Protein backbone atom coordinates (compact mmCIF):
# COMPACT_ATOMS: atom_id res chain seq x y z
CA MET A 1 -0.01 0.45 -0.02
CA ALA A 2 1.46 3.04 -1.47
CA LYS A 3 1.81 6.24 1.31
CA PRO A 4 -1.22 8.29 1.29
CA ASN A 5 -1.03 11.47 -0.78
CA ASP A 6 -3.35 13.62 2.06
CA TYR A 7 -5.00 13.52 5.33
CA GLU A 8 -8.27 11.87 3.00
CA ASP A 9 -6.27 9.25 1.69
CA PHE A 10 -4.87 8.65 4.93
CA LYS A 11 -8.78 8.28 6.74
CA GLY A 12 -9.35 5.75 3.30
CA THR A 13 -6.54 3.28 4.62
CA LEU A 14 -8.69 2.94 7.90
CA GLN A 15 -10.46 0.29 6.46
CA ASN A 16 -7.39 -2.12 6.13
CA GLY A 17 -6.39 -4.44 8.76
CA ALA A 18 -2.91 -3.31 9.13
CA PRO A 19 -0.78 0.23 8.29
CA SER A 20 1.77 -0.45 4.86
CA ASN A 21 5.10 -1.85 6.27
CA GLU A 22 6.80 0.95 3.79
CA TRP A 23 4.96 3.58 6.01
CA PRO A 24 7.61 6.07 8.27
CA ASP A 25 7.06 4.54 11.68
CA ALA A 26 5.01 8.08 12.67
CA LEU A 27 2.54 7.33 10.07
CA LYS A 28 1.76 3.88 11.62
CA ALA A 29 1.64 5.18 14.75
CA LEU A 30 -1.11 7.72 14.04
CA TRP A 31 -2.88 4.70 12.01
CA TYR A 32 -2.98 2.48 15.04
CA ASP A 33 -4.61 5.83 17.13
CA ALA A 34 -6.83 6.18 14.61
CA LYS A 35 -8.23 2.62 14.81
CA GLY A 36 -8.65 3.17 18.42
CA ASP A 37 -5.49 1.17 19.56
CA TRP A 38 -3.67 3.93 22.12
CA LYS A 39 -1.42 1.30 23.25
CA ALA A 40 -0.03 0.10 19.87
CA SER A 41 0.46 3.81 18.85
CA HIS A 42 2.25 4.63 22.03
CA ASP A 43 4.60 1.71 21.34
CA VAL A 44 5.73 2.66 17.77
CA ALA A 45 5.84 6.53 19.47
CA GLN A 46 7.87 5.63 22.60
CA ASP A 47 10.39 3.59 20.23
CA MET A 48 10.79 7.05 17.93
CA GLU A 49 13.53 8.79 19.42
CA ASN A 50 13.44 12.01 17.94
CA ALA A 51 11.16 15.04 18.22
CA MET A 52 8.55 13.47 16.10
CA GLY A 53 8.19 10.94 18.23
CA SER A 54 8.02 13.00 21.07
CA TRP A 55 5.25 15.22 19.44
CA ILE A 56 3.17 11.61 18.71
CA HIS A 57 3.92 10.59 22.23
CA ALA A 58 2.88 14.06 23.59
CA TYR A 59 -0.46 13.82 21.67
CA LEU A 60 -0.92 10.44 23.13
CA HIS A 61 -0.97 11.29 26.57
CA ARG A 62 -2.69 14.55 26.03
CA LYS A 63 -5.41 11.85 24.53
CA GLU A 64 -5.57 10.26 27.77
CA GLY A 65 -5.63 12.96 29.76
CA ASP A 66 -2.34 13.12 31.38
CA GLU A 67 -1.48 16.68 30.92
CA PHE A 68 1.66 16.72 33.09
CA ASN A 69 3.32 13.41 30.91
CA ALA A 70 1.91 15.30 27.88
CA GLY A 71 3.58 18.74 28.74
CA TYR A 72 6.78 16.81 29.60
CA TRP A 73 6.83 15.32 25.87
CA TYR A 74 5.97 18.29 24.04
CA ARG A 75 8.58 20.11 25.75
CA ARG A 76 10.82 17.43 24.20
CA ALA A 77 9.42 17.93 20.58
CA GLN A 78 9.88 21.58 21.08
CA ARG A 79 6.11 22.43 20.52
CA LYS A 80 3.43 24.28 22.54
CA PHE A 81 1.04 22.37 24.62
CA PRO A 82 -1.64 22.68 21.68
CA THR A 83 -5.26 24.41 22.54
CA ASN A 84 -6.88 22.92 19.26
CA SER A 85 -8.76 19.65 19.59
CA LEU A 86 -7.51 16.58 19.42
CA GLU A 87 -8.77 15.30 16.07
CA GLU A 88 -7.28 18.60 14.87
CA GLU A 89 -3.65 17.93 16.21
CA HIS A 90 -4.14 14.40 15.05
CA ARG A 91 -4.69 15.84 11.21
CA ASP A 92 -2.13 18.56 11.85
CA ILE A 93 0.36 15.43 12.93
CA ILE A 94 -0.48 13.61 9.78
CA ASN A 95 -0.48 16.38 7.19
CA PHE A 96 2.96 17.12 8.77
CA ILE A 97 4.28 13.95 8.44
CA LEU A 98 3.09 13.29 4.65
CA ASP A 99 4.34 16.80 3.78
CA ALA A 100 7.79 16.15 5.37
CA ASN A 101 8.37 12.65 3.31
C-alpha cells in the first residue's frame, strides 16, 4: 500500500487490517491511534527517539488525559501545548508527516 497523498487518503486506509510496512513509523503510530489502538500507537511512538516521536507521544498522553506527562513530551518535541482539539492535532500531525516525506 502506497503512502497516502493527503489526510483523506490516510482516512481511507483505515479500512485495512494494518498500516503498510513501507510507511514511516510516525504514520503507523497515528494509524493505530485512528483505529482506536492507543497501546500500539504508544508502543511505536515510544520507540521513536526523535522530535516526531516526542510529538506523537505528547499527543497520545494528552488524549489519555495526562496533561503533566503530555507537557513533558511537548517540551521534548519543542512544541507548545496545543489549544486545538485532539482531532485537529491528529490531522495536523498526519499532514506534517505527509508533507515531510
